[in-house]
C-alpha atoms as a PDB file:
ATOM      1  CA  LEU A   1     100.471  32.229 127.364  1.00  0.00           C
ATOM      2  CA  PHE A   2     103.637  33.036 129.094  1.00  0.00           C
ATOM      3  CA  ARG A   3     102.705  30.842 131.593  1.00  0.00           C
ATOM      4  CA  ALA A   4     102.786  27.477 129.228  1.00  0.00           C
ATOM      5  CA  LEU A   5     105.577  29.202 127.864  1.00  0.00           C
ATOM      6  CA  LYS A   6     107.812  28.986 130.843  1.00  0.00           C
ATOM      7  CA  THR A   7     106.777  25.617 131.898  1.00  0.00           C
ATOM      8  CA  LYS A   8     106.783  24.262 128.500  1.00  0.00           C
ATOM      9  CA  GLY A   9     103.310  23.056 127.994  1.00  0.00           C
ATOM     10  CA  ASN A  10     100.665  23.396 124.848  1.00  0.00           C
ATOM     11  CA  THR A  11      99.843  27.806 124.463  1.00  0.00           C
ATOM     12  CA  PRO A  12      96.487  28.740 124.070  1.00  0.00           C
ATOM     13  CA  LYS A  13      95.059  28.473 121.103  1.00  0.00           C
ATOM     14  CA  TYR A  14      93.149  32.274 120.708  1.00  0.00           C
ATOM     15  CA  GLY A  15      95.852  34.207 123.339  1.00  0.00           C
ATOM     16  CA  LEU A  16      94.635  36.476 125.477  1.00  0.00           C
ATOM     17  CA  ILE A  17      91.938  38.116 123.308  1.00  0.00           C
ATOM     18  CA  PHE A  18      89.754  34.935 123.947  1.00  0.00           C
ATOM     19  CA  HIS A  19      89.057  36.671 127.682  1.00  0.00           C
ATOM     20  CA  SER A  20      87.476  39.569 126.117  1.00  0.00           C
ATOM     21  CA  PRO A  21      84.053  40.577 126.776  1.00  0.00           C
ATOM     22  CA  PHE A  22      82.817  40.124 123.006  1.00  0.00           C
ATOM     23  CA  ILE A  23      84.207  36.962 123.334  1.00  0.00           C
ATOM     24  CA  GLY A  24      82.472  35.718 126.181  1.00  0.00           C
ATOM     25  CA  LYS A  25      78.700  37.286 124.275  1.00  0.00           C
ATOM     26  CA  ALA A  26      79.387  34.230 122.100  1.00  0.00           C
ATOM     27  CA  SER A  27      78.482  31.120 122.139  1.00  0.00           C
ATOM     28  CA  SER A  28      80.778  28.549 122.019  1.00  0.00           C
ATOM     29  CA  ARG A  29      80.049  27.843 118.441  1.00  0.00           C
ATOM     30  CA  ASN A  30      81.098  30.967 117.881  1.00  0.00           C
ATOM     31  CA  LYS A  31      83.863  31.771 120.036  1.00  0.00           C
ATOM     32  CA  GLY A  32      86.768  31.270 117.551  1.00  0.00           C
ATOM     33  CA  ARG A  33      85.109  32.985 114.661  1.00  0.00           C
ATOM     34  CA  ILE A  34      84.836  36.469 117.135  1.00  0.00           C
ATOM     35  CA  SER A  35      88.323  36.064 118.319  1.00  0.00           C
ATOM     36  CA  ARG A  36      89.720  36.485 114.964  1.00  0.00           C
ATOM     37  CA  TYR A  37      87.496  38.913 113.749  1.00  0.00           C
ATOM     38  CA  LEU A  38      88.086  40.639 116.535  1.00  0.00           C
ATOM     39  CA  ALA A  39      91.910  40.402 116.438  1.00  0.00           C
ATOM     40  CA  ASN A  40      91.254  41.747 111.987  1.00  0.00           C
ATOM     41  CA  LYS A  41      89.564  44.871 114.078  1.00  0.00           C
ATOM     42  CA  CYS A  42      92.328  45.310 116.662  1.00  0.00           C
ATOM     43  CA  SER A  43      95.094  45.425 113.833  1.00  0.00           C
ATOM     44  CA  ILE A  44      93.246  48.023 111.820  1.00  0.00           C
ATOM     45  CA  ALA A  45      93.194  49.608 114.126  1.00  0.00           C
ATOM     46  CA  SER A  46      96.741  49.910 115.224  1.00  0.00           C
ATOM     47  CA  ARG A  47      97.560  50.392 111.478  1.00  0.00           C
ATOM     48  CA  ILE A  48      95.297  53.685 111.514  1.00  0.00           C
ATOM     49  CA  ASP A  49      96.302  55.107 114.844  1.00  0.00           C
ATOM     50  CA  CYS A  50     100.182  54.194 113.745  1.00  0.00           C
ATOM     51  CA  PHE A  51      99.819  55.940 110.127  1.00  0.00           C
ATOM     52  CA  ALA A  52      96.978  58.447 110.667  1.00  0.00           C
ATOM     53  CA  ASP A  53      98.022  62.463 111.056  1.00  0.00           C
ATOM     54  CA  VAL A  54      95.037  63.065 112.768  1.00  0.00           C
ATOM     55  CA  GLN A  55      94.563  61.531 115.823  1.00  0.00           C
ATOM     56  CA  THR A  56      91.014  60.472 116.928  1.00  0.00           C
ATOM     57  CA  SER A  57      88.289  57.830 118.493  1.00  0.00           C
ATOM     58  CA  LEU A  58      85.856  57.539 115.769  1.00  0.00           C
ATOM     59  CA  PHE A  59      87.596  54.147 113.815  1.00  0.00           C
ATOM     60  CA  GLY A  60      87.727  52.348 117.382  1.00  0.00           C
ATOM     61  CA  GLU A  61      84.066  53.320 118.134  1.00  0.00           C
ATOM     62  CA  LYS A  62      83.018  51.803 114.435  1.00  0.00           C
ATOM     63  CA  LEU A  63      84.891  48.865 114.413  1.00  0.00           C
ATOM     64  CA  LYS A  64      83.710  48.357 117.743  1.00  0.00           C
ATOM     65  CA  GLU A  65      80.293  48.348 116.334  1.00  0.00           C
ATOM     66  CA  GLN A  66      80.708  46.409 113.599  1.00  0.00           C
ATOM     67  CA  VAL A  67      82.374  43.692 116.372  1.00  0.00           C
ATOM     68  CA  GLU A  68      79.173  44.149 118.335  1.00  0.00           C
ATOM     69  CA  GLU A  69      76.773  43.979 114.937  1.00  0.00           C
ATOM     70  CA  ARG A  70      78.846  40.289 114.109  1.00  0.00           C
ATOM     71  CA  LEU A  71      77.669  38.443 116.973  1.00  0.00           C
ATOM     72  CA  GLU A  72      74.230  39.947 116.359  1.00  0.00           C
ATOM     73  CA  PHE A  73      74.907  38.523 113.062  1.00  0.00           C
ATOM     74  CA  TYR A  74      75.970  35.005 114.563  1.00  0.00           C
ATOM     75  CA  ASP A  75      72.619  35.432 116.729  1.00  0.00           C
ATOM     76  CA  LYS A  76      69.996  36.562 114.982  1.00  0.00           C
ATOM     77  CA  GLY A  77      71.362  36.173 111.144  1.00  0.00           C
ATOM     78  CA  THR A  78      70.817  40.031 110.440  1.00  0.00           C
ATOM     79  CA  ALA A  79      73.659  41.075 108.045  1.00  0.00           C
ATOM     80  CA  PRO A  80      76.362  43.520 109.399  1.00  0.00           C
ATOM     81  CA  ARG A  81      77.584  46.577 107.158  1.00  0.00           C
ATOM     82  CA  ARG A  82      80.677  46.118 105.417  1.00  0.00           C
ATOM     83  CA  ASN A  83      83.554  47.498 106.226  1.00  0.00           C
ATOM     84  CA  VAL A  84      84.298  50.333 103.340  1.00  0.00           C
ATOM     85  CA  ALA A  85      80.297  51.651 104.398  1.00  0.00           C
ATOM     86  CA  VAL A  86      81.494  51.819 107.948  1.00  0.00           C
ATOM     87  CA  MET A  87      84.835  53.373 106.595  1.00  0.00           C
ATOM     88  CA  GLN A  88      83.742  55.912 104.426  1.00  0.00           C
ATOM     89  CA  GLU A  89      81.173  57.149 107.515  1.00  0.00           C
ATOM     90  CA  VAL A  90      83.913  58.145 109.831  1.00  0.00           C
ATOM     91  CA  VAL A  91      86.141  59.812 106.898  1.00  0.00           C
ATOM     92  CA  GLU A  92      82.736  61.544 106.304  1.00  0.00           C
ATOM     93  CA  ALA A  93      82.300  62.650 110.082  1.00  0.00           C
ATOM     94  CA  MET A  94      85.665  63.628 109.924  1.00  0.00           C
ATOM     95  CA  GLY A  95      85.270  66.233 107.211  1.00  0.00           C
ATOM     96  CA  GLY A  96      85.895  64.181 103.773  1.00  0.00           C
ATOM     97  CA  THR A  97      89.919  64.189 104.777  1.00  0.00           C
ATOM     98  CA  SER A  98      91.562  61.068 105.010  1.00  0.00           C
ATOM     99  CA  VAL A  99      94.986  59.141 105.157  1.00  0.00           C
ATOM    100  CA  ASN A 100      94.527  57.475 101.374  1.00  0.00           C
ATOM    101  CA  LYS A 101      93.890  60.981 100.417  1.00  0.00           C
ATOM    102  CA  LYS A 102      96.981  63.064 101.726  1.00  0.00           C
ATOM    103  CA  ARG A 103      99.146  60.501 100.749  1.00  0.00           C
ATOM    104  CA  LYS A 104      98.509  60.553  97.528  1.00  0.00           C
ATOM    105  CA  SER A 105      98.594  64.608  97.750  1.00  0.00           C
ATOM    106  CA  SER A 106     101.695  64.578  99.586  1.00  0.00           C
ATOM    107  CA  THR A 107     103.844  62.357  96.361  1.00  0.00           C
ATOM    108  CA  ASP A 108     102.416  64.111  93.896  1.00  0.00           C
ATOM    109  CA  ASP A 109     104.230  67.465  95.715  1.00  0.00           C
ATOM    110  CA  ASP A 110     107.517  67.481  93.514  1.00  0.00           C
ATOM    111  CA  SER A 111     108.739  69.469  96.492  1.00  0.00           C
ATOM    112  CA  ASN A 112     109.402  65.984  98.451  1.00  0.00           C
ATOM    113  CA  GLY A 113     111.099  63.975  95.330  1.00  0.00           C
ATOM    114  CA  GLY A 114     108.057  61.854  94.593  1.00  0.00           C
ATOM    115  CA  GLY A 115     107.096  58.219  95.241  1.00  0.00           C
ATOM    116  CA  LYS A 116     108.736  55.098  94.182  1.00  0.00           C
ATOM    117  CA  LYS A 117     106.709  54.743  90.885  1.00  0.00           C
ATOM    118  CA  GLN A 118     106.988  58.761  90.020  1.00  0.00           C
ATOM    119  CA  LYS A 119     110.797  58.222  90.624  1.00  0.00           C
ATOM    120  CA  LYS A 120     110.840  54.513  88.131  1.00  0.00           C
ATOM    121  CA  GLU A 121     108.924  56.868  85.782  1.00  0.00           C
ATOM    122  CA  LYS A 122     111.472  59.185  85.428  1.00  0.00           C
ATOM    123  CA  LYS A 123     114.227  57.009  85.458  1.00  0.00           C
ATOM    124  CA  ALA A 124     112.529  54.947  82.906  1.00  0.00           C
ATOM    125  CA  LYS A 125     112.283  58.547  80.569  1.00  0.00           C
ATOM    126  CA  GLU A 126     115.911  59.615  81.427  1.00  0.00           C
ATOM    127  CA  GLY A 127     117.310  56.212  80.221  1.00  0.00           C
ATOM    128  CA  LYS A 128     115.415  56.228  76.756  1.00  0.00           C
ATOM    129  CA  GLU A 129     115.927  59.589  76.306  1.00  0.00           C
ATOM    130  CA  GLY A 130     120.152  58.442  76.959  1.00  0.00           C
ATOM    131  CA  LYS A 131     119.649  55.962  74.592  1.00  0.00           C
ATOM    132  CA  GLU A 132     118.410  58.453  72.061  1.00  0.00           C
ATOM    133  CA  LYS A 133     121.305  60.606  73.003  1.00  0.00           C
ATOM    134  CA  LYS A 134     123.863  58.325  72.501  1.00  0.00           C
ATOM    135  CA  LYS A 135     122.304  56.737  68.951  1.00  0.00           C
ATOM    136  CA  LYS A 136     122.822  60.503  67.476  1.00  0.00           C
ATOM    137  CA  GLU A 137     126.321  60.479  68.761  1.00  0.00           C
ATOM    138  CA  LYS A 138     126.915  57.587  67.112  1.00  0.00           C
ATOM    139  CA  LYS A 139     125.237  58.613  63.442  1.00  0.00           C
ATOM    140  CA  GLU A 140     126.990  62.030  63.706  1.00  0.00           C
ATOM    141  CA  LYS A 141     130.678  59.892  64.107  1.00  0.00           C
ATOM    142  CA  LYS A 142     129.730  57.808  62.002  1.00  0.00           C
ATOM    143  CA  GLU A 143     128.761  61.045  59.072  1.00  0.00           C
ATOM    144  CA  LYS A 144     132.406  62.327  60.077  1.00  0.00           C
END
């Protein structure tokens, strides 16, 4: 990649990920598919590492298994497991705690000021109350 940029030549189509052992196992027809799939799984793994409160290798191991299952699917035709099912397995193995559940519980807590949605709802409610209060004040002034 950097040699191509330095010499102003064509950049490689799939980048460095194309040299992965997973890609080497695939047939030439499926190398592009597997490289995109592997890139997607790497992206998911990096997001999990970034946003998870608990560091664990379970997600990475399951994602690796998914890539291997996808290789088998292209070779033999056996259907791989769905991503949702695999992630649910990991969450259950961790004891039922997930990143989403922690986030929901922390935004429900009023100690941190709430989430964006709660702030919008609160602002809208205050706006309605403020308008009603102004209307009442106008009526009172007109009556006096």
